[in-house]
C-alpha atoms as a PDB file:
ATOM      1  CA  MET A   1      -0.017  -0.052  -0.041  1.00  0.00           C
ATOM      2  CA  SER A   2       1.206   3.418  -0.807  1.00  0.00           C
ATOM      3  CA  GLU A   3       1.520   5.897   2.088  1.00  0.00           C
ATOM      4  CA  ALA A   4      -1.642   7.360   3.326  1.00  0.00           C
ATOM      5  CA  THR A   5      -1.889  10.827   4.509  1.00  0.00           C
ATOM      6  CA  PHE A   6      -4.669  12.015   7.024  1.00  0.00           C
ATOM      7  CA  ARG A   7      -6.524  15.386   6.973  1.00  0.00           C
ATOM      8  CA  PRO A   8      -9.512  16.479   8.583  1.00  0.00           C
ATOM      9  CA  ALA A   9     -12.544  16.821   6.453  1.00  0.00           C
ATOM     10  CA  ALA A  10     -14.174  19.882   4.891  1.00  0.00           C
ATOM     11  CA  PRO A  11     -17.509  20.740   3.776  1.00  0.00           C
ATOM     12  CA  ASP A  12     -16.466  19.957   0.123  1.00  0.00           C
ATOM     13  CA  ASP A  13     -15.346  16.477   1.061  1.00  0.00           C
ATOM     14  CA  VAL A  14     -18.794  15.545   2.083  1.00  0.00           C
ATOM     15  CA  PRO A  15     -20.347  13.937  -1.107  1.00  0.00           C
ATOM     16  CA  ALA A  16     -17.053  11.714  -1.481  1.00  0.00           C
ATOM     17  CA  LEU A  17     -17.069  10.927   2.105  1.00  0.00           C
ATOM     18  CA  HIS A  18     -20.719  10.014   1.987  1.00  0.00           C
ATOM     19  CA  ARG A  19     -20.351   7.687  -0.887  1.00  0.00           C
ATOM     20  CA  LEU A  20     -17.280   6.131   0.927  1.00  0.00           C
ATOM     21  CA  ILE A  21     -19.118   5.507   4.036  1.00  0.00           C
ATOM     22  CA  GLU A  22     -22.280   4.041   2.379  1.00  0.00           C
ATOM     23  CA  SER A  23     -19.870   1.875   0.171  1.00  0.00           C
ATOM     24  CA  ALA A  24     -18.170   0.109   3.116  1.00  0.00           C
ATOM     25  CA  TYR A  25     -21.192  -0.145   5.385  1.00  0.00           C
ATOM     26  CA  ARG A  26     -24.206  -1.237   3.372  1.00  0.00           C
ATOM     27  CA  GLY A  27     -25.284  -3.105   0.168  1.00  0.00           C
ATOM     28  CA  ASP A  28     -23.556  -5.257  -2.000  1.00  0.00           C
ATOM     29  CA  SER A  29     -20.322  -2.957  -2.339  1.00  0.00           C
ATOM     30  CA  ALA A  30     -19.682  -3.685   1.125  1.00  0.00           C
ATOM     31  CA  LYS A  31     -19.530  -7.215   1.206  1.00  0.00           C
ATOM     32  CA  ALA A  32     -16.313  -7.031  -0.917  1.00  0.00           C
ATOM     33  CA  GLY A  33     -14.584  -6.105   2.540  1.00  0.00           C
ATOM     34  CA  TRP A  34     -15.096  -7.716   5.872  1.00  0.00           C
ATOM     35  CA  THR A  35     -16.158  -5.186   8.035  1.00  0.00           C
ATOM     36  CA  HIS A  36     -19.735  -4.499   6.627  1.00  0.00           C
ATOM     37  CA  GLU A  37     -23.107  -4.306   8.401  1.00  0.00           C
ATOM     38  CA  ALA A  38     -25.124  -5.278   5.101  1.00  0.00           C
ATOM     39  CA  ASP A  39     -26.061  -8.719   6.740  1.00  0.00           C
ATOM     40  CA  LEU A  40     -27.547  -6.944   9.741  1.00  0.00           C
ATOM     41  CA  LEU A  41     -29.049  -3.517   8.367  1.00  0.00           C
ATOM     42  CA  ASP A  42     -30.369  -2.543   5.132  1.00  0.00           C
ATOM     43  CA  GLY A  43     -30.766   1.139   4.330  1.00  0.00           C
ATOM     44  CA  GLN A  44     -28.212   4.478   4.885  1.00  0.00           C
ATOM     45  CA  ARG A  45     -25.703   4.368   7.472  1.00  0.00           C
ATOM     46  CA  THR A  46     -25.626   7.951   7.542  1.00  0.00           C
ATOM     47  CA  ASP A  47     -26.271  11.062   5.500  1.00  0.00           C
ATOM     48  CA  GLU A  48     -24.877  13.954   4.138  1.00  0.00           C
ATOM     49  CA  ALA A  49     -26.710  16.262   6.431  1.00  0.00           C
ATOM     50  CA  GLU A  50     -25.401  14.458   9.399  1.00  0.00           C
ATOM     51  CA  LEU A  51     -21.995  14.835   8.002  1.00  0.00           C
ATOM     52  CA  ARG A  52     -22.088  18.319   7.715  1.00  0.00           C
ATOM     53  CA  ASP A  53     -23.422  18.564  11.369  1.00  0.00           C
ATOM     54  CA  ILE A  54     -20.268  16.857  12.338  1.00  0.00           C
ATOM     55  CA  LEU A  55     -17.915  18.932  10.551  1.00  0.00           C
ATOM     56  CA  THR A  56     -19.654  22.379  11.951  1.00  0.00           C
ATOM     57  CA  ASP A  57     -19.246  21.055  15.504  1.00  0.00           C
ATOM     58  CA  ALA A  58     -16.165  21.856  17.321  1.00  0.00           C
ATOM     59  CA  SER A  59     -16.303  18.869  19.416  1.00  0.00           C
ATOM     60  CA  ARG A  60     -16.064  16.831  16.379  1.00  0.00           C
ATOM     61  CA  VAL A  61     -13.629  15.958  13.736  1.00  0.00           C
ATOM     62  CA  ILE A  62     -13.513  13.574  10.852  1.00  0.00           C
ATOM     63  CA  LEU A  63     -10.286  12.477   9.587  1.00  0.00           C
ATOM     64  CA  LEU A  64      -9.931  11.540   6.048  1.00  0.00           C
ATOM     65  CA  ALA A  65      -7.120   8.845   4.582  1.00  0.00           C
ATOM     66  CA  GLU A  66      -5.983   9.579   1.239  1.00  0.00           C
ATOM     67  CA  VAL A  67      -3.535   7.308  -0.711  1.00  0.00           C
ATOM     68  CA  GLU A  68      -2.011   8.893  -3.781  1.00  0.00           C
ATOM     69  CA  GLY A  69      -4.714  11.851  -3.595  1.00  0.00           C
ATOM     70  CA  VAL A  70      -7.965   9.373  -3.610  1.00  0.00           C
ATOM     71  CA  LEU A  71     -10.120   9.010  -0.582  1.00  0.00           C
ATOM     72  CA  THR A  72      -9.809   5.934   1.031  1.00  0.00           C
ATOM     73  CA  GLY A  73     -10.762   5.991   4.648  1.00  0.00           C
ATOM     74  CA  CYS A  74     -12.088   7.894   7.367  1.00  0.00           C
ATOM     75  CA  VAL A  75     -12.991   8.030  11.017  1.00  0.00           C
ATOM     76  CA  GLN A  76     -14.552  10.352  13.455  1.00  0.00           C
ATOM     77  CA  VAL A  77     -13.278  11.614  16.939  1.00  0.00           C
ATOM     78  CA  ALA A  78     -15.827  13.250  18.983  1.00  0.00           C
ATOM     79  CA  ASP A  79     -14.634  14.855  22.602  1.00  0.00           C
ATOM     80  CA  GLN A  80     -17.113  13.312  25.294  1.00  0.00           C
ATOM     81  CA  GLY A  81     -15.631  15.334  28.296  1.00  0.00           C
ATOM     82  CA  GLN A  82     -13.634  14.840  31.396  1.00  0.00           C
ATOM     83  CA  GLY A  83     -10.573  13.008  28.936  1.00  0.00           C
ATOM     84  CA  LEU A  84     -12.881  11.088  26.976  1.00  0.00           C
ATOM     85  CA  SER A  85     -13.121  10.912  23.229  1.00  0.00           C
ATOM     86  CA  TYR A  86     -15.338   8.583  21.038  1.00  0.00           C
ATOM     87  CA  LEU A  87     -13.948   7.044  17.942  1.00  0.00           C
ATOM     88  CA  GLY A  88     -16.864   6.295  15.450  1.00  0.00           C
ATOM     89  CA  LEU A  89     -17.355   6.230  11.476  1.00  0.00           C
ATOM     90  CA  LEU A  90     -14.179   4.113  10.926  1.00  0.00           C
ATOM     91  CA  THR A  91     -14.240   3.290   7.488  1.00  0.00           C
ATOM     92  CA  VAL A  92     -11.854   1.753   5.030  1.00  0.00           C
ATOM     93  CA  ASP A  93     -12.633   1.489   1.323  1.00  0.00           C
ATOM     94  CA  PRO A  94     -13.760  -2.219   1.035  1.00  0.00           C
ATOM     95  CA  GLY A  95     -11.296  -2.995  -1.854  1.00  0.00           C
ATOM     96  CA  ARG A  96      -8.465  -1.891   0.591  1.00  0.00           C
ATOM     97  CA  GLN A  97      -9.469  -3.784   3.813  1.00  0.00           C
ATOM     98  CA  ALA A  98      -7.109  -5.929   5.244  1.00  0.00           C
ATOM     99  CA  GLY A  99      -3.992  -3.743   4.035  1.00  0.00           C
ATOM    100  CA  GLY A 100      -3.053  -1.853   7.421  1.00  0.00           C
ATOM    101  CA  LEU A 101      -5.397   1.089   6.856  1.00  0.00           C
ATOM    102  CA  GLY A 102      -7.739   0.427   9.672  1.00  0.00           C
ATOM    103  CA  ARG A 103      -4.995   0.414  12.220  1.00  0.00           C
ATOM    104  CA  LEU A 104      -3.235   3.785  10.665  1.00  0.00           C
ATOM    105  CA  LEU A 105      -6.744   5.469  10.996  1.00  0.00           C
ATOM    106  CA  ILE A 106      -7.290   4.342  14.602  1.00  0.00           C
ATOM    107  CA  ASP A 107      -3.636   5.334  15.279  1.00  0.00           C
ATOM    108  CA  ALA A 108      -4.464   8.602  13.986  1.00  0.00           C
ATOM    109  CA  ALA A 109      -7.768   9.063  15.551  1.00  0.00           C
ATOM    110  CA  GLU A 110      -6.200   8.366  18.965  1.00  0.00           C
ATOM    111  CA  ALA A 111      -3.655  10.914  18.472  1.00  0.00           C
ATOM    112  CA  GLU A 112      -6.163  13.181  17.237  1.00  0.00           C
ATOM    113  CA  ALA A 113      -8.072  12.661  20.341  1.00  0.00           C
ATOM    114  CA  ALA A 114      -5.079  13.504  22.715  1.00  0.00           C
ATOM    115  CA  ALA A 115      -3.810  16.412  20.947  1.00  0.00           C
ATOM    116  CA  ARG A 116      -7.276  18.141  19.893  1.00  0.00           C
ATOM    117  CA  PHE A 117      -9.220  17.251  23.038  1.00  0.00           C
ATOM    118  CA  ALA A 118      -6.742  16.164  25.534  1.00  0.00           C
ATOM    119  CA  ALA A 119      -8.204  12.943  25.854  1.00  0.00           C
ATOM    120  CA  THR A 120      -6.742  10.133  28.016  1.00  0.00           C
ATOM    121  CA  ARG A 121      -9.457   7.361  27.024  1.00  0.00           C
ATOM    122  CA  MET A 122     -11.289   6.545  24.065  1.00  0.00           C
ATOM    123  CA  GLU A 123     -14.424   4.578  23.750  1.00  0.00           C
ATOM    124  CA  MET A 124     -16.318   2.976  20.976  1.00  0.00           C
ATOM    125  CA  THR A 125     -19.628   1.296  20.241  1.00  0.00           C
ATOM    126  CA  VAL A 126     -19.979  -1.693  18.066  1.00  0.00           C
ATOM    127  CA  ILE A 127     -22.912  -3.879  17.307  1.00  0.00           C
ATOM    128  CA  ARG A 128     -22.862  -6.786  19.514  1.00  0.00           C
ATOM    129  CA  GLN A 129     -23.351  -9.270  16.837  1.00  0.00           C
ATOM    130  CA  ARG A 130     -20.070  -8.371  14.943  1.00  0.00           C
ATOM    131  CA  ALA A 131     -17.950 -10.628  16.987  1.00  0.00           C
ATOM    132  CA  GLU A 132     -15.038 -10.567  14.110  1.00  0.00           C
ATOM    133  CA  LEU A 133     -14.853  -7.038  14.339  1.00  0.00           C
ATOM    134  CA  ILE A 134     -15.043  -6.907  18.313  1.00  0.00           C
ATOM    135  CA  ALA A 135     -12.142  -9.284  18.331  1.00  0.00           C
ATOM    136  CA  TRP A 136     -10.080  -6.951  16.011  1.00  0.00           C
ATOM    137  CA  TYR A 137     -10.461  -3.936  18.404  1.00  0.00           C
ATOM    138  CA  GLU A 138      -9.220  -5.951  21.334  1.00  0.00           C
ATOM    139  CA  ARG A 139      -6.548  -6.958  19.400  1.00  0.00           C
ATOM    140  CA  ARG A 140      -5.830  -3.044  18.992  1.00  0.00           C
ATOM    141  CA  GLY A 141      -5.852  -2.734  22.731  1.00  0.00           C
ATOM    142  CA  TYR A 142      -9.766  -1.989  23.080  1.00  0.00           C
ATOM    143  CA  GLY A 143     -11.198  -3.978  25.960  1.00  0.00           C
ATOM    144  CA  LEU A 144     -15.373  -4.554  26.436  1.00  0.00           C
ATOM    145  CA  THR A 145     -16.502  -2.743  29.451  1.00  0.00           C
ATOM    146  CA  GLY A 146     -19.547  -4.656  30.141  1.00  0.00           C
ATOM    147  CA  GLU A 147     -21.542  -1.744  29.158  1.00  0.00           C
ATOM    148  CA  THR A 148     -24.503  -1.952  26.220  1.00  0.00           C
ATOM    149  CA  ARG A 149     -26.391   0.964  24.731  1.00  0.00           C
ATOM    150  CA  PRO A 150     -29.668   0.596  22.362  1.00  0.00           C
ATOM    151  CA  PHE A 151     -29.151   0.563  18.946  1.00  0.00           C
ATOM    152  CA  PRO A 152     -31.792   3.072  17.482  1.00  0.00           C
ATOM    153  CA  VAL A 153     -33.892   0.628  15.621  1.00  0.00           C
ATOM    154  CA  ASP A 154     -36.461   2.685  14.895  1.00  0.00           C
ATOM    155  CA  ASP A 155     -34.710   5.365  13.264  1.00  0.00           C
ATOM    156  CA  GLU A 156     -34.174   4.978   9.777  1.00  0.00           C
ATOM    157  CA  ARG A 157     -31.290   7.594   9.592  1.00  0.00           C
ATOM    158  CA  PHE A 158     -28.944   4.794  10.920  1.00  0.00           C
ATOM    159  CA  GLY A 159     -30.280   2.086   8.825  1.00  0.00           C
ATOM    160  CA  LEU A 160     -33.131  -0.693   8.610  1.00  0.00           C
ATOM    161  CA  PRO A 161     -32.318  -3.360  10.993  1.00  0.00           C
ATOM    162  CA  ARG A 162     -32.942  -6.876   9.853  1.00  0.00           C
ATOM    163  CA  THR A 163     -33.602  -7.807  13.440  1.00  0.00           C
ATOM    164  CA  ARG A 164     -34.835  -5.794  16.174  1.00  0.00           C
ATOM    165  CA  GLU A 165     -32.234  -7.863  18.714  1.00  0.00           C
ATOM    166  CA  LEU A 166     -29.241  -5.336  17.821  1.00  0.00           C
ATOM    167  CA  GLU A 167     -27.545  -3.500  20.628  1.00  0.00           C
ATOM    168  CA  PHE A 168     -24.058  -1.887  21.086  1.00  0.00           C
ATOM    169  CA  VAL A 169     -21.211  -3.071  23.318  1.00  0.00           C
ATOM    170  CA  VAL A 170     -18.831  -0.426  24.490  1.00  0.00           C
ATOM    171  CA  LEU A 171     -15.155  -0.844  24.318  1.00  0.00           C
ATOM    172  CA  GLU A 172     -12.710   1.468  25.893  1.00  0.00           C
ATOM    173  CA  LYS A 173      -9.032   2.183  25.740  1.00  0.00           C
ATOM    174  CA  THR A 174      -6.297   4.064  27.631  1.00  0.00           C
ATOM    175  CA  LEU A 175      -4.631   6.120  25.268  1.00  0.00           C
END
């Protein structure tokens, strides 16, 4: 893999960012990679309005990964206060998964959380049914906290669940 560069997303990036996220999380294109949710959810993962809201919120940032000028991944970092940041929307182009970019995005997100928000801990939520992905995060140093949070099964902005049994598990890592 060529060297990835990282930068904060800007409003002009939203259309391409939205396409990337949808391609990695939903539909047949997502099944080219191993981290998709296409077997659990239909519909959208996010929309351009939500992405624009993130970009205008000083407590959140989306970092873009580009390889040779092409958008290949992203990750959101959000300040939760009291030294805690949240990692979300970790996305790697399905055709480039398993090449190490996800690890680099996590490293960039953790560094950004520490530098921008003075975070000493990072948390994330993962759908409980995604055991392989949870195990991957555990290998990156994240541990299950025992906490669960409800999945918004009745909010179409986050997808159309194929089962109502979805819930999030919370993982955390000390930075």
